[in-house]
C-alpha atoms as a PDB file:
ATOM      1  CA  MET A   1      -9.540  -3.221  14.492  1.00  0.00           C
ATOM      2  CA  SER A   2      -5.928  -2.096  14.000  1.00  0.00           C
ATOM      3  CA  ALA A   3      -4.235  -1.458  10.681  1.00  0.00           C
ATOM      4  CA  LEU A   4      -2.069  -4.556  11.104  1.00  0.00           C
ATOM      5  CA  ASP A   5      -5.141  -6.719  11.756  1.00  0.00           C
ATOM      6  CA  ASP A   6      -6.836  -5.268   8.683  1.00  0.00           C
ATOM      7  CA  LEU A   7      -3.753  -5.932   6.560  1.00  0.00           C
ATOM      8  CA  THR A   8      -3.481  -9.528   7.751  1.00  0.00           C
ATOM      9  CA  ALA A   9      -7.163 -10.061   6.955  1.00  0.00           C
ATOM     10  CA  TYR A  10      -6.817  -8.352   3.565  1.00  0.00           C
ATOM     11  CA  LEU A  11      -3.931 -10.506   2.396  1.00  0.00           C
ATOM     12  CA  THR A  12      -4.512 -14.105   1.501  1.00  0.00           C
ATOM     13  CA  THR A  13      -3.609 -16.539   4.252  1.00  0.00           C
ATOM     14  CA  THR A  14      -0.598 -17.792   2.295  1.00  0.00           C
ATOM     15  CA  LEU A  15       0.784 -14.302   1.697  1.00  0.00           C
ATOM     16  CA  ALA A  16       0.070 -13.112   5.247  1.00  0.00           C
ATOM     17  CA  GLY A  17       1.557 -16.280   6.731  1.00  0.00           C
ATOM     18  CA  LYS A  18       4.667 -15.909   4.619  1.00  0.00           C
ATOM     19  CA  TYR A  19       5.692 -12.723   6.437  1.00  0.00           C
ATOM     20  CA  GLY A  20       5.697 -12.122  10.175  1.00  0.00           C
ATOM     21  CA  ASP A  21       4.153  -9.196  12.003  1.00  0.00           C
ATOM     22  CA  ALA A  22       7.505  -7.384  12.044  1.00  0.00           C
ATOM     23  CA  VAL A  23       7.758  -7.335   8.238  1.00  0.00           C
ATOM     24  CA  LEU A  24       4.063  -6.509   7.799  1.00  0.00           C
ATOM     25  CA  SER A  25       4.351  -3.645  10.313  1.00  0.00           C
ATOM     26  CA  GLN A  26       7.389  -2.263   8.500  1.00  0.00           C
ATOM     27  CA  VAL A  27       5.649  -2.452   5.101  1.00  0.00           C
ATOM     28  CA  LEU A  28       2.488  -0.921   6.543  1.00  0.00           C
ATOM     29  CA  GLY A  29       4.414   1.971   8.113  1.00  0.00           C
ATOM     30  CA  THR A  30       6.277   2.632   4.880  1.00  0.00           C
ATOM     31  CA  GLU A  31       3.131   2.667   2.762  1.00  0.00           C
ATOM     32  CA  ILE A  32       1.169   4.845   5.217  1.00  0.00           C
ATOM     33  CA  ALA A  33       4.042   7.350   5.248  1.00  0.00           C
ATOM     34  CA  ASP A  34       4.287   7.349   1.449  1.00  0.00           C
ATOM     35  CA  GLN A  35       0.543   7.860   1.121  1.00  0.00           C
ATOM     36  CA  ALA A  36       0.589  10.689   3.687  1.00  0.00           C
ATOM     37  CA  ALA A  37       3.302  12.490   1.714  1.00  0.00           C
ATOM     38  CA  ARG A  38       0.980  12.622  -1.295  1.00  0.00           C
ATOM     39  CA  LEU A  39      -2.290  13.533   0.442  1.00  0.00           C
ATOM     40  CA  ARG A  40      -3.715  16.930   1.304  1.00  0.00           C
ATOM     41  CA  ALA A  41      -3.052  17.758   4.963  1.00  0.00           C
ATOM     42  CA  ARG A  42      -6.639  17.306   6.138  1.00  0.00           C
ATOM     43  CA  TYR A  43      -6.698  13.668   4.951  1.00  0.00           C
ATOM     44  CA  ARG A  44      -3.417  12.595   6.578  1.00  0.00           C
ATOM     45  CA  MET A  45      -3.391  10.472   9.714  1.00  0.00           C
ATOM     46  CA  ALA A  46      -1.610  12.208  12.597  1.00  0.00           C
ATOM     47  CA  ASP A  47      -1.213   8.907  14.461  1.00  0.00           C
ATOM     48  CA  PRO A  48      -1.778   5.809  12.274  1.00  0.00           C
ATOM     49  CA  ALA A  49      -2.344   3.564  15.301  1.00  0.00           C
ATOM     50  CA  ALA A  50      -5.131   5.775  16.686  1.00  0.00           C
ATOM     51  CA  ASP A  51      -6.559   7.226  13.465  1.00  0.00           C
ATOM     52  CA  TRP A  52      -6.797   4.051  11.354  1.00  0.00           C
ATOM     53  CA  ALA A  53     -10.512   3.441  11.987  1.00  0.00           C
ATOM     54  CA  GLY A  54     -11.358   7.036  11.037  1.00  0.00           C
ATOM     55  CA  HIS A  55      -9.251   7.014   7.857  1.00  0.00           C
ATOM     56  CA  MET A  56     -11.375   7.372   4.719  1.00  0.00           C
ATOM     57  CA  PRO A  57     -12.399   3.906   3.373  1.00  0.00           C
ATOM     58  CA  PRO A  58     -10.878   4.483  -0.101  1.00  0.00           C
ATOM     59  CA  LEU A  59      -7.607   5.509   1.529  1.00  0.00           C
ATOM     60  CA  ARG A  60      -7.611   2.441   3.794  1.00  0.00           C
ATOM     61  CA  GLU A  61      -8.218   0.232   0.749  1.00  0.00           C
ATOM     62  CA  SER A  62      -5.398   2.012  -1.056  1.00  0.00           C
ATOM     63  CA  VAL A  63      -2.985   1.313   1.820  1.00  0.00           C
ATOM     64  CA  MET A  64      -3.953  -2.373   1.756  1.00  0.00           C
ATOM     65  CA  ARG A  65      -3.336  -2.554  -2.010  1.00  0.00           C
ATOM     66  CA  ARG A  66      -0.037  -0.687  -1.616  1.00  0.00           C
ATOM     67  CA  CYS A  67       1.110  -3.228   0.990  1.00  0.00           C
ATOM     68  CA  ALA A  68       0.054  -6.211  -1.109  1.00  0.00           C
ATOM     69  CA  ARG A  69       1.890  -4.738  -4.095  1.00  0.00           C
ATOM     70  CA  ASN A  70       4.986  -4.043  -1.980  1.00  0.00           C
ATOM     71  CA  LEU A  71       5.088  -7.651  -0.766  1.00  0.00           C
ATOM     72  CA  ALA A  72       4.435  -9.089  -4.227  1.00  0.00           C
ATOM     73  CA  LEU A  73       7.227  -7.022  -5.776  1.00  0.00           C
ATOM     74  CA  ARG A  74       9.747  -8.389  -3.267  1.00  0.00           C
ATOM     75  CA  LYS A  75       9.926 -11.517  -5.430  1.00  0.00           C
ATOM     76  CA  ILE A  76      11.010  -9.463  -8.445  1.00  0.00           C
ATOM     77  CA  PRO A  77      13.276  -6.677  -7.128  1.00  0.00           C
ATOM     78  CA  LEU A  78      14.190  -5.323 -10.564  1.00  0.00           C
ATOM     79  CA  GLY A  79      10.548  -5.166 -11.650  1.00  0.00           C
ATOM     80  CA  ILE A  80      11.125  -7.490 -14.595  1.00  0.00           C
ATOM     81  CA  SER A  81       9.478 -10.883 -14.785  1.00  0.00           C
ATOM     82  CA  GLU A  82      11.071 -13.261 -17.263  1.00  0.00           C
ATOM     83  CA  SER A  83       9.631 -16.392 -18.810  1.00  0.00           C
ATOM     84  CA  ASP A  84      10.538 -18.608 -21.757  1.00  0.00           C
ATOM     85  CA  ILE A  85       8.308 -16.536 -24.000  1.00  0.00           C
ATOM     86  CA  ALA A  86       9.043 -12.923 -23.080  1.00  0.00           C
ATOM     87  CA  SER A  87      10.112 -10.411 -20.447  1.00  0.00           C
ATOM     88  CA  LEU A  88       7.448  -8.378 -18.691  1.00  0.00           C
ATOM     89  CA  ARG A  89       8.157  -5.095 -16.942  1.00  0.00           C
ATOM     90  CA  VAL A  90       5.947  -4.388 -13.959  1.00  0.00           C
ATOM     91  CA  ALA A  91       4.262  -0.963 -14.128  1.00  0.00           C
ATOM     92  CA  GLY A  92       5.485   1.705 -11.744  1.00  0.00           C
ATOM     93  CA  ARG A  93       2.074   2.601 -10.337  1.00  0.00           C
ATOM     94  CA  ASP A  94      -1.077   0.602  -9.773  1.00  0.00           C
ATOM     95  CA  THR A  95      -3.989   2.287 -11.551  1.00  0.00           C
ATOM     96  CA  GLU A  96      -6.447   1.177  -8.863  1.00  0.00           C
ATOM     97  CA  ILE A  97      -4.350   2.845  -6.153  1.00  0.00           C
ATOM     98  CA  LYS A  98      -4.205   5.957  -8.303  1.00  0.00           C
ATOM     99  CA  ARG A  99      -8.001   5.932  -8.720  1.00  0.00           C
ATOM    100  CA  LEU A 100      -8.660   5.451  -4.992  1.00  0.00           C
ATOM    101  CA  GLU A 101      -6.305   8.252  -3.930  1.00  0.00           C
ATOM    102  CA  ALA A 102      -7.047  10.771  -6.722  1.00  0.00           C
ATOM    103  CA  PRO A 103      -9.734  12.812  -4.907  1.00  0.00           C
ATOM    104  CA  TYR A 104      -7.527  13.259  -1.827  1.00  0.00           C
ATOM    105  CA  LEU A 105      -4.169  14.119  -3.418  1.00  0.00           C
ATOM    106  CA  ARG A 106      -2.356  17.419  -3.037  1.00  0.00           C
ATOM    107  CA  MET A 107      -2.435  19.660  -6.073  1.00  0.00           C
ATOM    108  CA  THR A 108       1.041  20.378  -7.387  1.00  0.00           C
ATOM    109  CA  VAL A 109       1.372  23.977  -8.515  1.00  0.00           C
ATOM    110  CA  GLY A 110       4.331  25.505 -10.242  1.00  0.00           C
END
């Protein structure tokens, strides 16, 4: 199964149907590239189209969550949700994504 197929299956039918394959492919490419920039070299995918099935399951799950978060945040571009009661600022990072990627991240030294 390809990464795009997995993403479409991961998202709810309403969210997946809301965006076409072109938008989902763009979001998927962006999130895979962002994840690769943070990972240690041995865990990066050289070719996302070919290496998706062999990508570590926690890292695949993390990419799916990153994409869902990316699409959800498109509705609130400033990251602030307002209601009659209060304003809510959306957190910068998802703690579940952080937990899934933690064992595979590069160590920053210096």
